[in-house]
Amino acid sequence: MGLWNILFNFATLNQIFQKMKNGIVGHLCALLVVAVWGTTFISSKVLLNDGLMPAEIFFFRFSMAYICLCLFSHDKLWADNWKDELALVGLGVLGGSLYFMTENQALIYSTASNVSILVSTTPLLTALLVAIFYKNERMNMIQVGGSLMAFVGVVLVVLNGQLILHLNPKGDLLALAASLTWAFYSLVMRRIMARYSSKFITRKVFGYGLLTILPYFALVHPIDHTFGQLLKPVVAGNLLYLGICASTGGYLVWNWVMQKLGTVKSTNYIYTQSLVAMLAAALILDERITPMAVIGAVLLISGMVIAQKNKKKLKTAVSQN
């Protein structure tokens, strides 16, 4: 009996260790993905300055990502039923064509600071939607406070010493639409991610994202760049970074992270995009970091830590001890 108890306790401790290990890896992967996504604003800006349209940037980066995924994820072509297939179509629109079109179009009408702040409302909107549709993943008051603190930090980081926001209703509404689009993407992903692999879901998202952007090229603005123009080192380099690192690797790892950490916890990491963008701009573009930005970074990180806390789990762990 004593030996059985020892073995049982060892197995229990091993399960706890594995869960902790998976959780730590999930958090590290979330930080890595957001770090990559935070630098994509610079690559996209370079491509826009070189004459590419927002829809073209999306199309080329998702095309590369789709081809890469097809090379090692081609054994399963369709979902198990038509409802899941429709959900994957929705993911392709919400996390692909519609999200990138609204965000990139917002940059045309509004400032990058405004767009960054408004897109950073995604975790708050996601938490609200999850609270409406799923009771078991609602945020407690401490987590809500931490999330709000992180958002205030985002605002200070993005402003970086500039106390005036240049509001533009059209651009700002598009930015909010992009934020809401990604929040719904997270909600739909929560419904389907338990039944399919990350590779399969990501490939379908890219495929349907590409299909749903084609009407824009047919009806609004056709692609007018030649293959030779795309081979320019500055264009090809940034497209490869966006397509391979940010899209293929980023979406694959992000969808896995959502499976490990849950919808709300993983989405909270989007707050750190602004911090990464600020650091990248300072290193690459020699932009100045002000005391306001430093205070914002402290609030952002502190709020992130608080928002990741799970009050119920802490109480359970204490009661078991």
C-alpha atoms as a PDB file:
ATOM      1  CA  MET A   1       0.000   0.000   0.000  1.00  0.00           C
ATOM      2  CA  GLY A   2       2.888   2.326   0.868  1.00  0.00           C
ATOM      3  CA  LEU A   3       4.545   1.586  -2.481  1.00  0.00           C
ATOM      4  CA  TRP A   4       1.242   2.222  -4.292  1.00  0.00           C
ATOM      5  CA  ASN A   5       0.919   5.611  -2.576  1.00  0.00           C
ATOM      6  CA  ILE A   6       4.482   6.504  -3.529  1.00  0.00           C
ATOM      7  CA  LEU A   7       3.859   5.555  -7.169  1.00  0.00           C
ATOM      8  CA  PHE A   8       0.535   7.398  -7.186  1.00  0.00           C
ATOM      9  CA  ASN A   9       2.085  10.544  -5.729  1.00  0.00           C
ATOM     10  CA  PHE A  10       4.973  10.318  -8.193  1.00  0.00           C
ATOM     11  CA  ALA A  11       2.547  10.026 -11.127  1.00  0.00           C
ATOM     12  CA  THR A  12       0.538  12.982  -9.809  1.00  0.00           C
ATOM     13  CA  LEU A  13       3.660  15.105  -9.402  1.00  0.00           C
ATOM     14  CA  ASN A  14       4.788  14.148 -12.897  1.00  0.00           C
ATOM     15  CA  GLN A  15       1.420  15.251 -14.338  1.00  0.00           C
ATOM     16  CA  ILE A  16       1.655  18.555 -12.463  1.00  0.00           C
ATOM     17  CA  PHE A  17       5.213  19.058 -13.749  1.00  0.00           C
ATOM     18  CA  GLN A  18       4.152  18.330 -17.332  1.00  0.00           C
ATOM     19  CA  LYS A  19       1.270  20.811 -17.060  1.00  0.00           C
ATOM     20  CA  MET A  20       3.604  23.466 -15.643  1.00  0.00           C
ATOM     21  CA  LYS A  21       6.124  22.729 -18.400  1.00  0.00           C
ATOM     22  CA  ASN A  22       3.469  23.028 -21.115  1.00  0.00           C
ATOM     23  CA  GLY A  23       2.193  26.240 -19.536  1.00  0.00           C
ATOM     24  CA  ILE A  24       5.656  27.819 -19.414  1.00  0.00           C
ATOM     25  CA  VAL A  25       6.372  26.801 -23.009  1.00  0.00           C
ATOM     26  CA  GLY A  26       2.996  28.219 -24.045  1.00  0.00           C
ATOM     27  CA  HIS A  27       3.735  31.590 -22.438  1.00  0.00           C
ATOM     28  CA  LEU A  28       7.219  31.729 -23.990  1.00  0.00           C
ATOM     29  CA  CYS A  29       5.824  30.863 -27.426  1.00  0.00           C
ATOM     30  CA  ALA A  30       3.140  33.550 -27.070  1.00  0.00           C
ATOM     31  CA  LEU A  31       5.826  36.133 -26.284  1.00  0.00           C
ATOM     32  CA  LEU A  32       7.898  34.968 -29.261  1.00  0.00           C
ATOM     33  CA  VAL A  33       4.988  35.214 -31.702  1.00  0.00           C
ATOM     34  CA  VAL A  34       3.946  38.649 -30.478  1.00  0.00           C
ATOM     35  CA  ALA A  35       7.568  39.812 -30.693  1.00  0.00           C
ATOM     36  CA  VAL A  36       7.625  38.798 -34.366  1.00  0.00           C
ATOM     37  CA  TRP A  37       4.215  40.346 -35.045  1.00  0.00           C
ATOM     38  CA  GLY A  38       5.311  43.561 -33.327  1.00  0.00           C
ATOM     39  CA  THR A  39       8.066  44.037 -35.901  1.00  0.00           C
ATOM     40  CA  THR A  40       5.792  43.412 -38.897  1.00  0.00           C
ATOM     41  CA  PHE A  41       4.562  47.023 -38.759  1.00  0.00           C
ATOM     42  CA  ILE A  42       8.028  48.113 -39.897  1.00  0.00           C
ATOM     43  CA  SER A  43       8.147  45.562 -42.743  1.00  0.00           C
ATOM     44  CA  SER A  44       4.645  46.521 -43.884  1.00  0.00           C
ATOM     45  CA  LYS A  45       5.565  50.211 -43.777  1.00  0.00           C
ATOM     46  CA  VAL A  46       8.640  49.563 -45.928  1.00  0.00           C
ATOM     47  CA  LEU A  47       6.522  47.703 -48.487  1.00  0.00           C
ATOM     48  CA  LEU A  48       3.844  50.417 -48.511  1.00  0.00           C
ATOM     49  CA  ASN A  49       6.544  53.036 -49.112  1.00  0.00           C
ATOM     50  CA  ASP A  50       7.818  50.919 -51.997  1.00  0.00           C
ATOM     51  CA  GLY A  51       4.438  51.109 -53.734  1.00  0.00           C
ATOM     52  CA  LEU A  52       2.650  47.907 -52.692  1.00  0.00           C
ATOM     53  CA  MET A  53      -1.012  48.185 -51.759  1.00  0.00           C
ATOM     54  CA  PRO A  54      -2.308  46.763 -48.441  1.00  0.00           C
ATOM     55  CA  ALA A  55      -4.245  43.996 -50.216  1.00  0.00           C
ATOM     56  CA  GLU A  56      -1.176  43.054 -52.247  1.00  0.00           C
ATOM     57  CA  ILE A  57       0.974  42.727 -49.124  1.00  0.00           C
ATOM     58  CA  PHE A  58      -1.629  40.457 -47.566  1.00  0.00           C
ATOM     59  CA  PHE A  59      -1.993  38.363 -50.749  1.00  0.00           C
ATOM     60  CA  PHE A  60       1.725  37.780 -51.280  1.00  0.00           C
ATOM     61  CA  ARG A  61       2.532  36.976 -47.647  1.00  0.00           C
ATOM     62  CA  PHE A  62      -0.427  34.584 -47.290  1.00  0.00           C
ATOM     63  CA  SER A  63       0.376  32.923 -50.641  1.00  0.00           C
ATOM     64  CA  MET A  64       3.892  32.098 -49.461  1.00  0.00           C
ATOM     65  CA  ALA A  65       2.572  30.875 -46.133  1.00  0.00           C
ATOM     66  CA  TYR A  66      -0.081  28.682 -47.791  1.00  0.00           C
ATOM     67  CA  ILE A  67       2.473  27.053 -50.112  1.00  0.00           C
ATOM     68  CA  CYS A  68       4.784  26.342 -47.169  1.00  0.00           C
ATOM     69  CA  LEU A  69       1.982  24.765 -45.137  1.00  0.00           C
ATOM     70  CA  CYS A  70       0.814  22.607 -48.052  1.00  0.00           C
ATOM     71  CA  LEU A  71       4.276  21.040 -48.205  1.00  0.00           C
ATOM     72  CA  PHE A  72       3.891  19.386 -44.789  1.00  0.00           C
ATOM     73  CA  SER A  73       0.132  19.493 -44.180  1.00  0.00           C
ATOM     74  CA  HIS A  74      -1.688  17.847 -47.077  1.00  0.00           C
ATOM     75  CA  ASP A  75      -3.019  14.570 -45.676  1.00  0.00           C
ATOM     76  CA  LYS A  76      -6.398  16.039 -44.673  1.00  0.00           C
ATOM     77  CA  LEU A  77      -8.193  18.314 -47.151  1.00  0.00           C
ATOM     78  CA  TRP A  78     -11.584  18.959 -45.542  1.00  0.00           C
ATOM     79  CA  ALA A  79     -13.091  19.268 -42.091  1.00  0.00           C
ATOM     80  CA  ASP A  80     -15.114  16.416 -40.608  1.00  0.00           C
ATOM     81  CA  ASN A  81     -18.449  18.119 -41.344  1.00  0.00           C
ATOM     82  CA  TRP A  82     -19.836  21.093 -43.232  1.00  0.00           C
ATOM     83  CA  LYS A  83     -20.379  23.154 -40.068  1.00  0.00           C
ATOM     84  CA  ASP A  84     -16.695  22.949 -39.196  1.00  0.00           C
ATOM     85  CA  GLU A  85     -15.784  23.762 -42.796  1.00  0.00           C
ATOM     86  CA  LEU A  86     -17.950  26.893 -42.631  1.00  0.00           C
ATOM     87  CA  ALA A  87     -16.256  27.804 -39.353  1.00  0.00           C
ATOM     88  CA  LEU A  88     -12.891  27.532 -41.120  1.00  0.00           C
ATOM     89  CA  VAL A  89     -14.180  29.816 -43.880  1.00  0.00           C
ATOM     90  CA  GLY A  90     -15.111  32.294 -41.166  1.00  0.00           C
ATOM     91  CA  LEU A  91     -11.639  32.024 -39.649  1.00  0.00           C
ATOM     92  CA  GLY A  92     -10.103  32.729 -43.052  1.00  0.00           C
ATOM     93  CA  VAL A  93     -12.159  35.906 -43.335  1.00  0.00           C
ATOM     94  CA  LEU A  94     -11.851  37.057 -39.708  1.00  0.00           C
ATOM     95  CA  GLY A  95      -8.174  36.263 -39.234  1.00  0.00           C
ATOM     96  CA  GLY A  96      -7.141  36.849 -42.833  1.00  0.00           C
ATOM     97  CA  SER A  97      -8.714  38.984 -45.528  1.00  0.00           C
ATOM     98  CA  LEU A  98     -11.086  41.130 -43.454  1.00  0.00           C
ATOM     99  CA  TYR A  99      -8.668  41.719 -40.563  1.00  0.00           C
ATOM    100  CA  PHE A 100      -5.734  42.786 -42.713  1.00  0.00           C
ATOM    101  CA  MET A 101      -7.864  44.883 -45.059  1.00  0.00           C
ATOM    102  CA  THR A 102      -9.459  46.845 -42.208  1.00  0.00           C
ATOM    103  CA  GLU A 103      -6.173  47.315 -40.323  1.00  0.00           C
ATOM    104  CA  ASN A 104      -4.124  48.331 -43.364  1.00  0.00           C
ATOM    105  CA  GLN A 105      -6.859  50.596 -44.708  1.00  0.00           C
ATOM    106  CA  ALA A 106      -7.051  52.239 -41.283  1.00  0.00           C
ATOM    107  CA  LEU A 107      -3.361  53.161 -41.628  1.00  0.00           C
ATOM    108  CA  ILE A 108      -4.198  55.083 -44.794  1.00  0.00           C
ATOM    109  CA  TYR A 109      -6.771  57.309 -43.098  1.00  0.00           C
ATOM    110  CA  SER A 110      -5.414  57.510 -39.541  1.00  0.00           C
ATOM    111  CA  THR A 111      -2.047  57.685 -37.808  1.00  0.00           C
ATOM    112  CA  ALA A 112      -0.077  54.603 -36.831  1.00  0.00           C
ATOM    113  CA  SER A 113      -0.383  55.643 -33.165  1.00  0.00           C
ATOM    114  CA  ASN A 114      -4.177  55.760 -33.311  1.00  0.00           C
ATOM    115  CA  VAL A 115      -4.382  52.436 -35.121  1.00  0.00           C
ATOM    116  CA  SER A 116      -1.963  50.742 -32.707  1.00  0.00           C
ATOM    117  CA  ILE A 117      -3.943  51.902 -29.673  1.00  0.00           C
ATOM    118  CA  LEU A 118      -7.325  50.922 -31.087  1.00  0.00           C
ATOM    119  CA  VAL A 119      -6.136  47.517 -32.334  1.00  0.00           C
ATOM    120  CA  SER A 120      -4.768  46.908 -28.833  1.00  0.00           C
ATOM    121  CA  THR A 121      -8.344  46.821 -27.532  1.00  0.00           C
ATOM    122  CA  THR A 122      -8.521  43.268 -28.946  1.00  0.00           C
ATOM    123  CA  PRO A 123      -7.900  41.495 -25.594  1.00  0.00           C
ATOM    124  CA  LEU A 124     -10.631  43.533 -23.898  1.00  0.00           C
ATOM    125  CA  LEU A 125     -13.103  42.832 -26.704  1.00  0.00           C
ATOM    126  CA  THR A 126     -12.144  39.145 -26.722  1.00  0.00           C
ATOM    127  CA  ALA A 127     -12.657  38.867 -22.958  1.00  0.00           C
ATOM    128  CA  LEU A 128     -16.069  40.549 -23.333  1.00  0.00           C
ATOM    129  CA  LEU A 129     -17.163  38.145 -26.087  1.00  0.00           C
ATOM    130  CA  VAL A 130     -15.912  35.112 -24.156  1.00  0.00           C
ATOM    131  CA  ALA A 131     -17.782  36.318 -21.056  1.00  0.00           C
ATOM    132  CA  ILE A 132     -20.970  36.543 -23.126  1.00  0.00           C
ATOM    133  CA  PHE A 133     -20.679  33.136 -24.803  1.00  0.00           C
ATOM    134  CA  TYR A 134     -18.558  31.050 -22.413  1.00  0.00           C
ATOM    135  CA  LYS A 135     -19.033  31.159 -18.642  1.00  0.00           C
ATOM    136  CA  ASN A 136     -16.047  28.943 -17.801  1.00  0.00           C
ATOM    137  CA  GLU A 137     -13.432  31.376 -19.131  1.00  0.00           C
ATOM    138  CA  ARG A 138     -14.717  34.660 -17.733  1.00  0.00           C
ATOM    139  CA  MET A 139     -12.214  37.098 -16.248  1.00  0.00           C
ATOM    140  CA  ASN A 140     -12.478  37.984 -12.568  1.00  0.00           C
ATOM    141  CA  MET A 141     -12.232  41.577 -11.342  1.00  0.00           C
ATOM    142  CA  ILE A 142      -8.494  41.303 -10.676  1.00  0.00           C
ATOM    143  CA  GLN A 143      -7.900  40.104 -14.235  1.00  0.00           C
ATOM    144  CA  VAL A 144     -10.109  42.873 -15.653  1.00  0.00           C
ATOM    145  CA  GLY A 145      -8.123  45.436 -13.657  1.00  0.00           C
ATOM    146  CA  GLY A 146      -4.850  44.004 -14.925  1.00  0.00           C
ATOM    147  CA  SER A 147      -6.109  44.058 -18.504  1.00  0.00           C
ATOM    148  CA  LEU A 148      -7.165  47.697 -18.191  1.00  0.00           C
ATOM    149  CA  MET A 149      -3.786  48.565 -16.639  1.00  0.00           C
ATOM    150  CA  ALA A 150      -2.031  46.896 -19.574  1.00  0.00           C
ATOM    151  CA  PHE A 151      -4.180  48.856 -22.040  1.00  0.00           C
ATOM    152  CA  VAL A 152      -3.279  52.149 -20.339  1.00  0.00           C
ATOM    153  CA  GLY A 153       0.350  51.076 -20.655  1.00  0.00           C
ATOM    154  CA  VAL A 154      -0.166  50.458 -24.373  1.00  0.00           C
ATOM    155  CA  VAL A 155      -1.566  53.970 -24.813  1.00  0.00           C
ATOM    156  CA  LEU A 156       1.455  55.537 -23.059  1.00  0.00           C
ATOM    157  CA  VAL A 157       3.920  53.385 -25.017  1.00  0.00           C
ATOM    158  CA  VAL A 158       2.326  54.242 -28.348  1.00  0.00           C
ATOM    159  CA  LEU A 159       2.079  57.944 -27.595  1.00  0.00           C
ATOM    160  CA  ASN A 160       5.743  57.949 -26.444  1.00  0.00           C
ATOM    161  CA  GLY A 161       5.667  61.558 -25.257  1.00  0.00           C
ATOM    162  CA  GLN A 162       3.113  62.900 -27.735  1.00  0.00           C
ATOM    163  CA  LEU A 163       0.105  64.155 -25.816  1.00  0.00           C
ATOM    164  CA  ILE A 164      -2.149  64.804 -28.812  1.00  0.00           C
ATOM    165  CA  LEU A 165      -4.047  62.162 -30.759  1.00  0.00           C
ATOM    166  CA  HIS A 166      -4.968  63.120 -34.326  1.00  0.00           C
ATOM    167  CA  LEU A 167      -8.424  61.606 -34.573  1.00  0.00           C
ATOM    168  CA  ASN A 168      -9.872  60.531 -37.902  1.00  0.00           C
ATOM    169  CA  PRO A 169     -13.350  58.952 -37.638  1.00  0.00           C
ATOM    170  CA  LYS A 170     -13.029  56.822 -40.769  1.00  0.00           C
ATOM    171  CA  GLY A 171      -9.583  55.455 -39.949  1.00  0.00           C
ATOM    172  CA  ASP A 172     -10.348  54.954 -36.260  1.00  0.00           C
ATOM    173  CA  LEU A 173     -13.568  53.072 -37.005  1.00  0.00           C
ATOM    174  CA  LEU A 174     -11.650  50.805 -39.383  1.00  0.00           C
ATOM    175  CA  ALA A 175      -9.061  50.159 -36.659  1.00  0.00           C
ATOM    176  CA  LEU A 176     -11.800  49.257 -34.165  1.00  0.00           C
ATOM    177  CA  ALA A 177     -13.344  47.012 -36.809  1.00  0.00           C
ATOM    178  CA  ALA A 178      -9.993  45.230 -37.163  1.00  0.00           C
ATOM    179  CA  SER A 179      -9.808  44.759 -33.399  1.00  0.00           C
ATOM    180  CA  LEU A 180     -13.345  43.371 -33.251  1.00  0.00           C
ATOM    181  CA  THR A 181     -12.587  41.113 -36.219  1.00  0.00           C
ATOM    182  CA  TRP A 182      -9.640  39.486 -34.422  1.00  0.00           C
ATOM    183  CA  ALA A 183     -11.721  39.143 -31.249  1.00  0.00           C
ATOM    184  CA  PHE A 184     -14.332  37.147 -33.194  1.00  0.00           C
ATOM    185  CA  TYR A 185     -11.502  35.154 -34.809  1.00  0.00           C
ATOM    186  CA  SER A 186     -10.366  34.141 -31.313  1.00  0.00           C
ATOM    187  CA  LEU A 187     -13.933  33.229 -30.365  1.00  0.00           C
ATOM    188  CA  VAL A 188     -14.492  31.007 -33.423  1.00  0.00           C
ATOM    189  CA  MET A 189     -11.029  29.478 -32.985  1.00  0.00           C
ATOM    190  CA  ARG A 190     -11.953  28.521 -29.415  1.00  0.00           C
ATOM    191  CA  ARG A 191     -14.865  26.485 -30.777  1.00  0.00           C
ATOM    192  CA  ILE A 192     -12.884  24.506 -33.322  1.00  0.00           C
ATOM    193  CA  MET A 193      -9.286  24.252 -32.077  1.00  0.00           C
ATOM    194  CA  ALA A 194      -9.887  21.180 -29.891  1.00  0.00           C
ATOM    195  CA  ARG A 195     -10.950  19.010 -32.838  1.00  0.00           C
ATOM    196  CA  TYR A 196      -8.238  19.713 -35.425  1.00  0.00           C
ATOM    197  CA  SER A 197      -4.469  20.103 -35.522  1.00  0.00           C
ATOM    198  CA  SER A 198      -2.831  23.516 -35.562  1.00  0.00           C
ATOM    199  CA  LYS A 199      -1.318  22.779 -39.000  1.00  0.00           C
ATOM    200  CA  PHE A 200      -4.682  21.892 -40.531  1.00  0.00           C
ATOM    201  CA  ILE A 201      -6.471  24.935 -39.103  1.00  0.00           C
ATOM    202  CA  THR A 202      -3.697  27.333 -40.121  1.00  0.00           C
ATOM    203  CA  ARG A 203      -3.592  25.986 -43.685  1.00  0.00           C
ATOM    204  CA  LYS A 204      -7.353  26.367 -44.038  1.00  0.00           C
ATOM    205  CA  VAL A 205      -7.239  29.905 -42.611  1.00  0.00           C
ATOM    206  CA  PHE A 206      -4.637  30.924 -45.191  1.00  0.00           C
ATOM    207  CA  GLY A 207      -6.469  29.200 -48.024  1.00  0.00           C
ATOM    208  CA  TYR A 208      -9.834  30.799 -47.318  1.00  0.00           C
ATOM    209  CA  GLY A 209      -8.151  34.124 -46.571  1.00  0.00           C
ATOM    210  CA  LEU A 210      -6.650  34.096 -50.053  1.00  0.00           C
ATOM    211  CA  LEU A 211      -9.922  33.046 -51.715  1.00  0.00           C
ATOM    212  CA  THR A 212     -11.923  35.797 -50.009  1.00  0.00           C
ATOM    213  CA  ILE A 213      -9.482  38.557 -51.021  1.00  0.00           C
ATOM    214  CA  LEU A 214      -9.774  37.708 -54.748  1.00  0.00           C
ATOM    215  CA  PRO A 215     -13.061  39.665 -55.267  1.00  0.00           C
ATOM    216  CA  TYR A 216     -11.221  42.815 -54.120  1.00  0.00           C
ATOM    217  CA  PHE A 217      -8.660  42.390 -56.902  1.00  0.00           C
ATOM    218  CA  ALA A 218     -11.377  41.651 -59.455  1.00  0.00           C
ATOM    219  CA  LEU A 219     -13.742  44.499 -58.534  1.00  0.00           C
ATOM    220  CA  VAL A 220     -11.682  47.225 -56.851  1.00  0.00           C
ATOM    221  CA  HIS A 221      -7.946  47.228 -57.534  1.00  0.00           C
ATOM    222  CA  PRO A 222      -6.119  44.546 -59.576  1.00  0.00           C
ATOM    223  CA  ILE A 223      -2.538  43.519 -58.804  1.00  0.00           C
ATOM    224  CA  ASP A 224      -0.238  45.693 -60.911  1.00  0.00           C
ATOM    225  CA  HIS A 225       3.232  44.584 -59.773  1.00  0.00           C
ATOM    226  CA  THR A 226       5.424  42.457 -62.040  1.00  0.00           C
ATOM    227  CA  PHE A 227       7.467  39.491 -60.862  1.00  0.00           C
ATOM    228  CA  GLY A 228      10.642  41.505 -61.432  1.00  0.00           C
ATOM    229  CA  GLN A 229       9.461  44.267 -59.096  1.00  0.00           C
ATOM    230  CA  LEU A 230       8.754  41.727 -56.381  1.00  0.00           C
ATOM    231  CA  LEU A 231      12.323  40.396 -56.667  1.00  0.00           C
ATOM    232  CA  LYS A 232      13.830  43.695 -55.560  1.00  0.00           C
ATOM    233  CA  PRO A 233      15.895  42.850 -52.444  1.00  0.00           C
ATOM    234  CA  VAL A 234      14.014  45.203 -50.117  1.00  0.00           C
ATOM    235  CA  VAL A 235      10.619  43.941 -51.332  1.00  0.00           C
ATOM    236  CA  ALA A 236      11.505  40.247 -51.486  1.00  0.00           C
ATOM    237  CA  GLY A 237      13.227  40.329 -48.103  1.00  0.00           C
ATOM    238  CA  ASN A 238      10.317  41.923 -46.292  1.00  0.00           C
ATOM    239  CA  LEU A 239       7.743  39.729 -48.034  1.00  0.00           C
ATOM    240  CA  LEU A 240       9.713  36.615 -47.080  1.00  0.00           C
ATOM    241  CA  TYR A 241       9.863  37.793 -43.469  1.00  0.00           C
ATOM    242  CA  LEU A 242       6.116  38.468 -43.409  1.00  0.00           C
ATOM    243  CA  GLY A 243       5.206  35.280 -45.258  1.00  0.00           C
ATOM    244  CA  ILE A 244       7.541  32.752 -43.634  1.00  0.00           C
ATOM    245  CA  CYS A 245       8.217  34.083 -40.134  1.00  0.00           C
ATOM    246  CA  ALA A 246       5.157  36.185 -39.288  1.00  0.00           C
ATOM    247  CA  SER A 247       2.482  34.211 -41.141  1.00  0.00           C
ATOM    248  CA  THR A 248       3.592  30.570 -41.445  1.00  0.00           C
ATOM    249  CA  GLY A 249       5.455  30.327 -38.157  1.00  0.00           C
ATOM    250  CA  GLY A 250       3.425  32.953 -36.331  1.00  0.00           C
ATOM    251  CA  TYR A 251      -0.041  31.552 -37.043  1.00  0.00           C
ATOM    252  CA  LEU A 252       1.057  27.947 -36.485  1.00  0.00           C
ATOM    253  CA  VAL A 253       2.528  28.701 -33.077  1.00  0.00           C
ATOM    254  CA  TRP A 254      -0.278  31.105 -32.127  1.00  0.00           C
ATOM    255  CA  ASN A 255      -3.013  28.568 -32.822  1.00  0.00           C
ATOM    256  CA  TRP A 256      -1.062  26.035 -30.724  1.00  0.00           C
ATOM    257  CA  VAL A 257      -0.694  28.618 -27.941  1.00  0.00           C
ATOM    258  CA  MET A 258      -4.457  29.190 -27.925  1.00  0.00           C
ATOM    259  CA  GLN A 259      -4.958  25.445 -27.438  1.00  0.00           C
ATOM    260  CA  LYS A 260      -2.545  25.424 -24.482  1.00  0.00           C
ATOM    261  CA  LEU A 261      -3.380  28.684 -22.694  1.00  0.00           C
ATOM    262  CA  GLY A 262      -6.977  29.363 -23.672  1.00  0.00           C
ATOM    263  CA  THR A 263      -8.532  32.237 -25.585  1.00  0.00           C
ATOM    264  CA  VAL A 264      -8.346  35.049 -23.025  1.00  0.00           C
ATOM    265  CA  LYS A 265      -4.849  34.363 -21.671  1.00  0.00           C
ATOM    266  CA  SER A 266      -3.251  34.035 -25.096  1.00  0.00           C
ATOM    267  CA  THR A 267      -4.994  37.112 -26.516  1.00  0.00           C
ATOM    268  CA  ASN A 268      -3.739  39.231 -23.600  1.00  0.00           C
ATOM    269  CA  TYR A 269      -0.233  38.913 -25.037  1.00  0.00           C
ATOM    270  CA  ILE A 270      -1.300  41.117 -27.951  1.00  0.00           C
ATOM    271  CA  TYR A 271      -0.792  44.042 -25.572  1.00  0.00           C
ATOM    272  CA  THR A 272       2.980  43.565 -25.852  1.00  0.00           C
ATOM    273  CA  GLN A 273       2.950  44.201 -29.616  1.00  0.00           C
ATOM    274  CA  SER A 274       3.170  47.937 -29.022  1.00  0.00           C
ATOM    275  CA  LEU A 275       6.123  47.481 -26.669  1.00  0.00           C
ATOM    276  CA  VAL A 276       7.992  45.385 -29.238  1.00  0.00           C
ATOM    277  CA  ALA A 277       7.182  47.880 -31.982  1.00  0.00           C
ATOM    278  CA  MET A 278       8.524  50.729 -29.828  1.00  0.00           C
ATOM    279  CA  LEU A 279      11.804  48.896 -29.123  1.00  0.00           C
ATOM    280  CA  ALA A 280      12.200  47.896 -32.773  1.00  0.00           C
ATOM    281  CA  ALA A 281      11.580  51.475 -33.900  1.00  0.00           C
ATOM    282  CA  ALA A 282      14.213  52.712 -31.431  1.00  0.00           C
ATOM    283  CA  LEU A 283      16.787  50.179 -32.654  1.00  0.00           C
ATOM    284  CA  ILE A 284      16.048  50.316 -36.384  1.00  0.00           C
ATOM    285  CA  LEU A 285      14.589  53.789 -36.944  1.00  0.00           C
ATOM    286  CA  ASP A 286      16.436  55.619 -34.119  1.00  0.00           C
ATOM    287  CA  GLU A 287      13.173  56.801 -32.585  1.00  0.00           C
ATOM    288  CA  ARG A 288      13.449  58.281 -29.077  1.00  0.00           C
ATOM    289  CA  ILE A 289      11.988  56.478 -26.044  1.00  0.00           C
ATOM    290  CA  THR A 290      10.537  58.975 -23.558  1.00  0.00           C
ATOM    291  CA  PRO A 291       9.863  58.643 -19.802  1.00  0.00           C
ATOM    292  CA  MET A 292       6.152  58.353 -20.665  1.00  0.00           C
ATOM    293  CA  ALA A 293       6.914  55.272 -22.745  1.00  0.00           C
ATOM    294  CA  VAL A 294       8.966  53.728 -19.930  1.00  0.00           C
ATOM    295  CA  ILE A 295       6.095  54.263 -17.460  1.00  0.00           C
ATOM    296  CA  GLY A 296       3.742  52.775 -20.033  1.00  0.00           C
ATOM    297  CA  ALA A 297       6.006  49.727 -20.421  1.00  0.00           C
ATOM    298  CA  VAL A 298       5.996  49.158 -16.645  1.00  0.00           C
ATOM    299  CA  LEU A 299       2.191  49.431 -16.520  1.00  0.00           C
ATOM    300  CA  LEU A 300       1.850  47.173 -19.560  1.00  0.00           C
ATOM    301  CA  ILE A 301       4.017  44.390 -18.143  1.00  0.00           C
ATOM    302  CA  SER A 302       2.494  44.681 -14.645  1.00  0.00           C
ATOM    303  CA  GLY A 303      -1.026  44.591 -16.062  1.00  0.00           C
ATOM    304  CA  MET A 304      -0.116  41.591 -18.219  1.00  0.00           C
ATOM    305  CA  VAL A 305       1.120  39.647 -15.178  1.00  0.00           C
ATOM    306  CA  ILE A 306      -2.044  40.474 -13.211  1.00  0.00           C
ATOM    307  CA  ALA A 307      -4.313  39.639 -16.156  1.00  0.00           C
ATOM    308  CA  GLN A 308      -2.687  36.195 -16.464  1.00  0.00           C
ATOM    309  CA  LYS A 309      -3.571  35.276 -12.881  1.00  0.00           C
ATOM    310  CA  ASN A 310      -6.357  32.777 -12.372  1.00  0.00           C
ATOM    311  CA  LYS A 311      -7.989  33.367  -9.006  1.00  0.00           C
ATOM    312  CA  LYS A 312      -9.884  30.071  -8.932  1.00  0.00           C
ATOM    313  CA  LYS A 313      -6.810  27.973  -9.651  1.00  0.00           C
ATOM    314  CA  LEU A 314      -4.834  29.748  -6.952  1.00  0.00           C
ATOM    315  CA  LYS A 315      -7.590  29.069  -4.404  1.00  0.00           C
ATOM    316  CA  THR A 316      -7.728  25.410  -5.424  1.00  0.00           C
ATOM    317  CA  ALA A 317      -3.968  24.994  -5.073  1.00  0.00           C
ATOM    318  CA  VAL A 318      -4.021  26.575  -1.619  1.00  0.00           C
ATOM    319  CA  SER A 319      -6.917  24.411  -0.409  1.00  0.00           C
ATOM    320  CA  GLN A 320      -5.176  21.234  -1.643  1.00  0.00           C
ATOM    321  CA  ASN A 321      -2.027  22.100   0.278  1.00  0.00           C
END
